[in-house]
Amino acid sequence: MKYQKHLFICNNERPDPAKKSCGKEHGSALVAAFKEGIKARGLQIDIRAQQTGCLDACVHGPALVVYPEAVWYGALTLADVEEVIESHLVNNQPVERLRLHFKGPLLQK
């Protein structure tokens, strides 16, 4: 495995503005913030953050998933980035207040 952790941050924009989605603008800002925070700590060799298409968690967006642990986060804001980096990426402690859990066939918070 090339990376110890790999973040996929949803950047999907639904065509219907009445439906919630992670959004290109917000998703791009989150990607940039995670990349900046990871680089600032010198972790870019071991951890990668990148944008992705729809993660099918629109109602909980903006969403991201961290692999290989498959830890899902939802309702992320730029203010949450440092906490996720420090707690989960650096100290291997997922941020419980932001986590999404699978219950049955659908992702539910």
Protein backbone atom coordinates (compact mmCIF):
# COMPACT_ATOMS: atom_id res chain seq x y z
CA MET A 1 0.00 0.00 0.00
CA LYS A 2 1.41 3.36 -1.01
CA TYR A 3 -0.40 5.45 1.62
CA GLN A 4 -1.07 4.62 5.26
CA LYS A 5 -4.30 6.63 5.04
CA HIS A 6 -6.23 7.85 2.03
CA LEU A 7 -9.04 10.44 2.31
CA PHE A 8 -11.73 10.66 -0.34
CA ILE A 9 -13.65 13.93 -0.03
CA CYS A 10 -16.91 14.24 -1.93
CA ASN A 11 -16.97 17.02 -4.47
CA ASN A 12 -20.27 16.08 -6.14
CA GLU A 13 -22.81 18.73 -7.08
CA ARG A 14 -26.36 17.55 -7.70
CA PRO A 15 -28.02 19.20 -10.69
CA ASP A 16 -31.14 19.94 -8.61
CA PRO A 17 -30.18 22.72 -6.16
CA ALA A 18 -33.16 21.81 -3.98
CA LYS A 19 -31.48 18.51 -3.07
CA LYS A 20 -28.62 18.50 -0.59
CA SER A 21 -25.18 17.60 -1.91
CA CYS A 22 -21.58 18.00 -0.83
CA GLY A 23 -20.97 20.57 -3.52
CA LYS A 24 -17.97 21.38 -5.66
CA GLU A 25 -17.21 24.66 -3.90
CA HIS A 26 -17.37 23.27 -0.36
CA GLY A 27 -15.75 19.96 -1.32
CA SER A 28 -12.88 21.75 -3.05
CA ALA A 29 -12.31 23.96 -0.02
CA LEU A 30 -12.21 20.87 2.22
CA VAL A 31 -9.76 19.10 -0.11
CA ALA A 32 -7.47 22.15 -0.10
CA ALA A 33 -7.65 22.48 3.69
CA PHE A 34 -6.87 18.80 4.28
CA LYS A 35 -3.98 18.88 1.80
CA GLU A 36 -2.59 22.01 3.46
CA GLY A 37 -2.90 20.56 6.97
CA ILE A 38 -1.34 17.26 5.94
CA LYS A 39 1.54 18.99 4.18
CA ALA A 40 2.12 21.38 7.10
CA ARG A 41 2.73 18.33 9.32
CA GLY A 42 5.02 16.66 6.75
CA LEU A 43 2.58 13.76 6.34
CA GLN A 44 2.05 13.98 2.56
CA ILE A 45 4.24 10.91 1.94
CA ASP A 46 1.99 8.69 4.11
CA ILE A 47 -1.42 10.36 3.81
CA ARG A 48 -3.27 11.50 0.70
CA ALA A 49 -6.39 13.64 0.48
CA GLN A 50 -8.25 13.89 -2.81
CA GLN A 51 -11.59 14.85 -4.23
CA THR A 52 -14.00 12.23 -5.43
CA GLY A 53 -17.38 11.99 -7.02
CA CYS A 54 -20.52 11.08 -5.15
CA LEU A 55 -20.08 8.88 -2.07
CA ASP A 56 -23.87 8.30 -1.81
CA ALA A 57 -24.03 10.13 1.51
CA CYS A 58 -25.57 13.34 0.14
CA VAL A 59 -27.99 13.88 3.00
CA HIS A 60 -25.03 13.86 5.40
CA GLY A 61 -22.72 15.98 3.26
CA PRO A 62 -20.20 17.26 2.95
CA ALA A 63 -18.85 13.74 3.40
CA LEU A 64 -15.51 12.01 3.36
CA VAL A 65 -14.21 8.51 3.98
CA VAL A 66 -10.80 7.56 5.34
CA TYR A 67 -9.24 4.29 4.17
CA PRO A 68 -8.05 1.70 5.00
CA GLU A 69 -10.22 1.99 8.14
CA ALA A 70 -13.36 2.90 6.16
CA VAL A 71 -14.27 5.61 8.66
CA TRP A 72 -16.96 7.90 7.26
CA TYR A 73 -17.52 11.53 8.27
CA GLY A 74 -20.43 13.81 7.48
CA ALA A 75 -21.55 17.42 7.85
CA LEU A 76 -17.92 18.54 7.69
CA THR A 77 -16.95 22.18 7.84
CA LEU A 78 -13.60 23.86 7.40
CA ALA A 79 -13.53 24.29 11.17
CA ASP A 80 -13.45 20.46 11.54
CA VAL A 81 -10.38 19.86 9.38
CA GLU A 82 -7.71 20.42 12.04
CA GLU A 83 -9.54 18.20 14.53
CA VAL A 84 -9.86 15.34 12.03
CA ILE A 85 -6.19 15.65 11.04
CA GLU A 86 -4.89 15.78 14.61
CA SER A 87 -7.24 13.26 16.16
CA HIS A 88 -7.73 10.70 13.39
CA LEU A 89 -4.85 11.05 10.96
CA VAL A 90 -2.09 11.76 13.49
CA ASN A 91 -3.36 9.97 16.61
CA ASN A 92 -5.59 7.25 15.06
CA GLN A 93 -8.64 8.36 17.07
CA PRO A 94 -11.67 8.97 14.85
CA VAL A 95 -13.74 12.07 15.67
CA GLU A 96 -16.93 10.45 16.97
CA ARG A 97 -19.13 13.55 16.79
CA LEU A 98 -18.61 13.67 12.99
CA ARG A 99 -18.74 9.95 12.22
CA LEU A 100 -21.34 8.28 10.06
CA HIS A 101 -22.21 4.62 10.65
CA PHE A 102 -23.77 2.04 8.38
CA LYS A 103 -27.08 0.70 9.70
CA GLY A 104 -28.79 -1.68 7.35
CA PRO A 105 -28.60 -1.01 3.62
CA LEU A 106 -28.29 2.77 3.88
CA LEU A 107 -25.78 5.08 5.46
CA GLN A 108 -27.42 6.71 8.47
CA LYS A 109 -26.15 9.13 11.06
